Amino acid sequence: MTSAIEAIPLHTISGEPASLADHGGKVRLLVNVASKCGLTPQYEALEKLHATYADKGFAVLGFPANDFGAQEPGSNDEIAEFCRTNFSVSFPMFSKIVVTGEGKHPLYAALTSAVPGKTGDADGFRERLRGFGMTPTADPEVLWNFEKFLIDRNGAVVARFAPTLAPDDAAIVAAIEAELAK
């Protein structure tokens, strides 16, 4: 049975119709990504996580967004090329979407409603952003690029991680392994 979140219409980065149901039965880590962000090197750890657990029923799913500091200005084709060339990304990527504020994609509205708070030092990151003269978002909004949502095999949102929590952080790995063990 497809969950409501899995039924939300999406598009792959190449423009094909898609949904999370295309990856149904897997544990999924959804990440809003950006190519020109200080956190962009997380692509490497995301790819490694995807490769490590893919044969156990896990997938990283990338959602480019230009919501924070205009750090994802490229077209879908440019983003796909950047990811392949610089990080050998093989995990599924989706078309660029809005993840916060007005015009927020229904997927991200559902994700942030399901788990309004984040694991990790979101408050410390907000202070860093303020130090750069920026006004950070408040929960339940996505804080920045590379925020992560963990979806279980049944399509339920089970965890959410702050952007600064690296994909290979023990808390994220433990949450993934726990879901895979179910």
Protein backbone atom coordinates (compact mmCIF):
# COMPACT_ATOMS: atom_id res chain seq x y z
CA MET A 1 0.00 0.00 0.00
CA THR A 2 1.33 3.43 -0.95
CA SER A 3 1.45 6.04 1.82
CA ALA A 4 0.17 9.58 1.19
CA ILE A 5 3.72 10.93 1.10
CA GLU A 6 4.74 8.28 -1.44
CA ALA A 7 1.88 9.30 -3.74
CA ILE A 8 2.96 12.96 -4.08
CA PRO A 9 3.85 13.63 -7.73
CA LEU A 10 7.52 14.37 -8.42
CA HIS A 11 9.83 14.49 -11.42
CA THR A 12 13.24 12.94 -11.84
CA ILE A 13 16.10 15.30 -12.60
CA SER A 14 15.70 14.33 -16.27
CA GLY A 15 12.02 15.37 -16.20
CA GLU A 16 10.30 11.99 -16.00
CA PRO A 17 7.20 11.66 -13.79
CA ALA A 18 8.06 9.98 -10.49
CA SER A 19 7.07 9.56 -6.84
CA LEU A 20 8.57 8.13 -3.68
CA ALA A 21 6.46 5.03 -4.39
CA ASP A 22 8.98 4.25 -7.15
CA HIS A 23 11.32 3.42 -4.27
CA GLY A 24 8.61 1.79 -2.16
CA GLY A 25 9.66 -0.92 0.26
CA LYS A 26 13.04 0.78 0.78
CA VAL A 27 14.32 2.85 3.64
CA ARG A 28 14.95 6.28 2.11
CA LEU A 29 17.02 9.30 3.13
CA LEU A 30 15.65 12.43 1.42
CA VAL A 31 18.08 15.34 1.23
CA ASN A 32 17.65 18.84 -0.19
CA VAL A 33 20.96 19.43 -1.96
CA ALA A 34 22.88 22.36 -3.44
CA SER A 35 26.00 22.61 -5.59
CA LYS A 36 27.48 25.85 -4.26
CA CYS A 37 27.10 25.42 -0.50
CA GLY A 38 29.69 24.95 2.21
CA LEU A 39 27.95 21.63 2.90
CA THR A 40 28.16 20.43 -0.73
CA PRO A 41 30.99 17.99 0.14
CA GLN A 42 28.29 15.95 1.92
CA TYR A 43 27.51 14.54 -1.54
CA GLU A 44 30.54 12.27 -1.09
CA ALA A 45 29.23 10.80 2.18
CA LEU A 46 25.70 10.54 0.75
CA GLU A 47 27.01 8.55 -2.20
CA LYS A 48 29.01 6.28 0.11
CA LEU A 49 25.95 5.73 2.34
CA HIS A 50 23.85 4.91 -0.71
CA ALA A 51 26.43 2.42 -2.01
CA THR A 52 26.95 0.81 1.40
CA TYR A 53 23.28 0.06 2.07
CA ALA A 54 21.66 -0.10 -1.38
CA ASP A 55 21.73 -3.90 -1.49
CA LYS A 56 19.97 -3.99 1.90
CA GLY A 57 16.98 -1.97 0.65
CA PHE A 58 18.13 1.63 1.17
CA ALA A 59 18.28 4.66 -1.11
CA VAL A 60 19.44 8.24 -0.83
CA LEU A 61 17.15 10.56 -2.81
CA GLY A 62 18.43 14.02 -3.72
CA PHE A 63 16.21 17.09 -4.14
CA PRO A 64 18.06 20.16 -5.47
CA ALA A 65 16.74 23.43 -4.05
CA ASN A 66 17.80 27.04 -4.53
CA ASP A 67 16.10 28.32 -1.36
CA PHE A 68 19.16 29.15 0.71
CA GLY A 69 21.70 31.72 -0.43
CA ALA A 70 20.92 30.99 -4.12
CA GLN A 71 23.34 28.06 -3.80
CA GLU A 72 21.66 25.89 -6.46
CA PRO A 73 21.26 28.29 -9.41
CA GLY A 74 21.74 25.78 -12.22
CA SER A 75 19.28 23.96 -14.43
CA ASN A 76 18.42 20.31 -13.76
CA ASP A 77 20.85 19.27 -16.52
CA GLU A 78 23.64 21.38 -15.00
CA ILE A 79 22.96 19.98 -11.53
CA ALA A 80 22.99 16.39 -12.81
CA GLU A 81 26.28 17.00 -14.63
CA PHE A 82 27.82 18.64 -11.54
CA CYS A 83 26.84 15.67 -9.36
CA ARG A 84 28.16 13.08 -11.81
CA THR A 85 31.41 14.92 -12.55
CA ASN A 86 32.34 16.07 -9.05
CA PHE A 87 30.92 13.36 -6.79
CA SER A 88 30.08 10.36 -9.04
CA VAL A 89 26.52 10.50 -7.71
CA SER A 90 24.59 7.36 -8.60
CA PHE A 91 21.66 7.79 -6.21
CA PRO A 92 18.36 9.05 -7.65
CA MET A 93 18.09 12.81 -8.12
CA PHE A 94 14.88 14.73 -8.63
CA SER A 95 14.06 18.00 -10.35
CA LYS A 96 14.79 21.23 -8.52
CA ILE A 97 12.02 22.18 -6.09
CA VAL A 98 11.20 24.73 -3.39
CA VAL A 99 11.60 23.28 0.11
CA THR A 100 10.65 26.21 2.36
CA GLY A 101 8.40 29.24 2.46
CA GLU A 102 5.89 30.27 -0.17
CA GLY A 103 5.68 27.85 -3.04
CA LYS A 104 7.00 24.95 -0.92
CA HIS A 105 6.61 21.67 -2.78
CA PRO A 106 3.87 19.41 -1.31
CA LEU A 107 6.51 16.77 -0.52
CA TYR A 108 8.40 19.15 1.75
CA ALA A 109 5.15 20.41 3.29
CA ALA A 110 4.37 16.79 4.21
CA LEU A 111 7.90 16.06 5.46
CA THR A 112 8.09 19.11 7.71
CA SER A 113 4.57 18.47 9.06
CA ALA A 114 5.38 14.85 9.85
CA VAL A 115 8.54 15.65 11.86
CA PRO A 116 8.65 19.36 12.79
CA GLY A 117 11.91 19.23 14.79
CA LYS A 118 15.42 18.07 13.90
CA THR A 119 18.13 15.96 15.50
CA GLY A 120 21.46 17.80 15.56
CA ASP A 121 22.66 21.28 16.45
CA ALA A 122 20.10 23.35 14.56
CA ASP A 123 20.32 26.22 17.07
CA GLY A 124 24.10 26.43 16.72
CA PHE A 125 23.76 26.52 12.94
CA ARG A 126 21.12 29.25 13.19
CA GLU A 127 23.59 31.31 15.25
CA ARG A 128 26.27 30.82 12.59
CA LEU A 129 23.85 31.99 9.91
CA ARG A 130 22.97 35.07 11.96
CA GLY A 131 26.72 35.74 12.25
CA PHE A 132 26.81 35.93 8.45
CA GLY A 133 23.95 38.45 8.50
CA MET A 134 21.31 35.93 7.44
CA THR A 135 17.89 35.32 8.93
CA PRO A 136 17.46 31.57 9.44
CA THR A 137 14.14 29.76 9.29
CA ALA A 138 12.37 28.48 12.40
CA ASP A 139 11.03 24.96 12.87
CA PRO A 140 9.18 23.32 11.27
CA GLU A 141 10.74 24.87 8.13
CA VAL A 142 13.83 23.35 6.52
CA LEU A 143 16.81 25.19 7.99
CA TRP A 144 19.33 24.99 5.12
CA ASN A 145 20.71 22.82 2.35
CA PHE A 146 21.45 19.18 3.21
CA GLU A 147 18.70 18.69 5.78
CA LYS A 148 17.82 15.00 5.88
CA PHE A 149 14.54 13.11 6.35
CA LEU A 150 14.46 9.36 6.96
CA ILE A 151 11.47 7.49 5.51
CA ASP A 152 10.74 3.91 6.53
CA ARG A 153 9.83 1.03 4.22
CA ASN A 154 6.12 1.85 4.63
CA GLY A 155 6.49 5.48 3.61
CA ALA A 156 6.36 7.04 7.10
CA VAL A 157 8.74 9.86 8.07
CA VAL A 158 10.62 8.50 11.08
CA ALA A 159 13.49 10.97 11.64
CA ARG A 160 14.86 14.34 10.61
CA PHE A 161 18.45 15.55 10.83
CA ALA A 162 19.93 19.06 10.84
CA PRO A 163 22.03 20.09 7.83
CA THR A 164 25.30 20.07 9.74
CA LEU A 165 24.85 16.44 10.81
CA ALA A 166 26.98 14.66 8.21
CA PRO A 167 25.43 11.69 6.40
CA ASP A 168 27.96 9.35 8.01
CA ASP A 169 27.28 10.66 11.54
CA ALA A 170 26.66 7.83 14.00
CA ALA A 171 23.11 9.07 14.74
CA ILE A 172 22.10 8.91 11.08
CA VAL A 173 23.80 5.58 10.43
CA ALA A 174 22.18 4.07 13.55
CA ALA A 175 18.74 5.31 12.49
CA ILE A 176 19.19 3.85 8.99
CA GLU A 177 20.43 0.52 10.34
CA ALA A 178 17.55 0.35 12.82
CA GLU A 179 15.02 0.86 10.03
CA LEU A 180 16.74 -1.65 7.78
CA ALA A 181 16.63 -4.24 10.60
CA LYS A 182 12.81 -4.02 10.87
